[in-house]
């Protein structure tokens, strides 16, 4: 469920503090000219670029999650293996960075 939310809202506003979680600062995010580059789902998932969650609806509760990043590990159509990393501000210091392996299969 969390992955579905993260993917659905990628690309618009950053909720992280760049100094705390190694995300790009907001001014850099706002100057990215390729922000709408990924129109095709396969191109979006197949990119080797690090993808940042930039926008989230106010109706979605992130429960302390910040600086959400998706990095592709491998992609062989229709399967994509990615790593989702985020900071959980509700966890004690030293335990706040969380990573999950995500397996996605595109269906035509």
Protein backbone atom coordinates (compact mmCIF):
# COMPACT_ATOMS: atom_id res chain seq x y z
CA UNK A 1 0.00 0.00 0.00
CA UNK A 2 2.76 2.45 0.92
CA UNK A 3 4.51 1.88 -2.43
CA UNK A 4 1.27 2.57 -4.31
CA UNK A 5 0.89 5.87 -2.51
CA UNK A 6 4.54 6.79 -3.05
CA UNK A 7 4.42 6.06 -6.77
CA UNK A 8 1.08 7.78 -7.28
CA UNK A 9 2.31 11.08 -5.91
CA UNK A 10 5.89 11.22 -7.16
CA UNK A 11 7.15 14.57 -8.57
CA UNK A 12 5.80 17.81 -7.17
CA UNK A 13 6.81 18.91 -3.67
CA UNK A 14 9.49 17.77 -1.26
CA UNK A 15 8.59 17.16 2.36
CA UNK A 16 12.14 16.49 3.56
CA UNK A 17 14.74 18.77 5.06
CA UNK A 18 17.72 18.43 2.71
CA UNK A 19 20.28 18.92 5.47
CA UNK A 20 18.79 16.12 7.57
CA UNK A 21 18.15 13.41 4.98
CA UNK A 22 20.48 14.03 2.02
CA UNK A 23 17.71 15.00 -0.40
CA UNK A 24 18.12 17.74 -2.94
CA UNK A 25 17.17 21.14 -1.50
CA UNK A 26 13.78 22.51 -2.58
CA UNK A 27 15.31 25.17 -4.82
CA UNK A 28 17.12 22.48 -6.84
CA UNK A 29 13.97 20.35 -7.09
CA UNK A 30 11.99 23.32 -8.37
CA UNK A 31 14.60 24.00 -11.07
CA UNK A 32 14.59 20.46 -12.53
CA UNK A 33 13.44 20.90 -16.13
CA UNK A 34 12.82 17.18 -16.75
CA UNK A 35 10.16 16.98 -14.02
CA UNK A 36 7.52 15.63 -16.44
CA UNK A 37 9.91 13.41 -18.40
CA UNK A 38 8.39 10.09 -17.32
CA UNK A 39 5.09 9.76 -19.20
CA UNK A 40 5.40 6.04 -20.00
CA UNK A 41 5.27 3.67 -17.02
CA UNK A 42 8.17 1.52 -18.27
CA UNK A 43 10.43 4.56 -18.75
CA UNK A 44 9.52 5.71 -15.27
CA UNK A 45 10.30 2.37 -13.62
CA UNK A 46 13.29 1.53 -15.81
CA UNK A 47 15.26 4.71 -15.09
CA UNK A 48 18.51 4.24 -13.23
CA UNK A 49 18.11 7.70 -11.71
CA UNK A 50 17.29 8.12 -8.05
CA UNK A 51 13.65 9.21 -7.78
CA UNK A 52 12.44 11.41 -4.93
CA UNK A 53 8.91 11.72 -3.61
CA UNK A 54 8.22 15.39 -4.24
CA UNK A 55 4.53 15.73 -3.49
CA UNK A 56 1.98 14.07 -1.26
CA UNK A 57 -1.73 14.70 -0.94
CA UNK A 58 -2.86 16.17 2.37
CA UNK A 59 -5.33 13.28 2.65
CA UNK A 60 -2.50 10.71 2.87
CA UNK A 61 -0.95 10.16 6.29
CA UNK A 62 2.77 9.39 6.05
CA UNK A 63 3.09 8.64 9.78
CA UNK A 64 6.46 10.41 10.14
CA UNK A 65 7.99 9.23 6.85
CA UNK A 66 10.27 11.78 5.17
CA UNK A 67 12.78 11.90 2.30
CA UNK A 68 11.25 9.03 0.34
CA UNK A 69 13.59 7.73 -2.36
CA UNK A 70 13.18 4.95 -4.95
CA UNK A 71 16.25 3.43 -6.65
CA UNK A 72 16.01 0.74 -9.33
CA UNK A 73 18.12 -2.37 -8.68
CA UNK A 74 17.26 -4.25 -11.87
CA UNK A 75 14.70 -4.16 -14.66
CA UNK A 76 13.90 -6.90 -17.15
CA UNK A 77 10.50 -6.28 -18.72
CA UNK A 78 7.95 -6.77 -17.16
CA UNK A 79 9.72 -7.13 -13.78
CA UNK A 80 11.37 -4.29 -11.86
CA UNK A 81 13.24 -4.63 -8.59
CA UNK A 82 13.69 -1.40 -6.65
CA UNK A 83 14.73 -0.23 -3.23
CA UNK A 84 12.47 2.18 -1.36
CA UNK A 85 14.29 4.18 1.33
CA UNK A 86 12.84 6.70 3.74
CA UNK A 87 13.44 8.32 7.10
CA UNK A 88 10.93 7.51 9.82
CA UNK A 89 11.02 10.50 12.17
CA UNK A 90 9.00 8.56 14.77
CA UNK A 91 11.80 6.00 15.35
CA UNK A 92 14.63 6.52 17.86
CA UNK A 93 17.90 8.10 16.64
CA UNK A 94 20.05 5.65 14.70
CA UNK A 95 17.04 3.56 13.62
CA UNK A 96 15.20 6.13 11.53
CA UNK A 97 16.47 5.19 8.04
CA UNK A 98 14.36 2.34 6.64
CA UNK A 99 14.82 0.42 3.35
CA UNK A 100 12.48 -2.03 1.67
CA UNK A 101 12.95 -4.16 -1.44
CA UNK A 102 10.09 -3.67 -3.90
CA UNK A 103 9.23 -6.14 -6.68
CA UNK A 104 6.94 -4.71 -9.36
CA UNK A 105 5.47 -6.47 -12.40
CA UNK A 106 4.03 -4.31 -15.17
CA UNK A 107 0.95 -5.69 -16.87
CA UNK A 108 -0.15 -4.68 -20.35
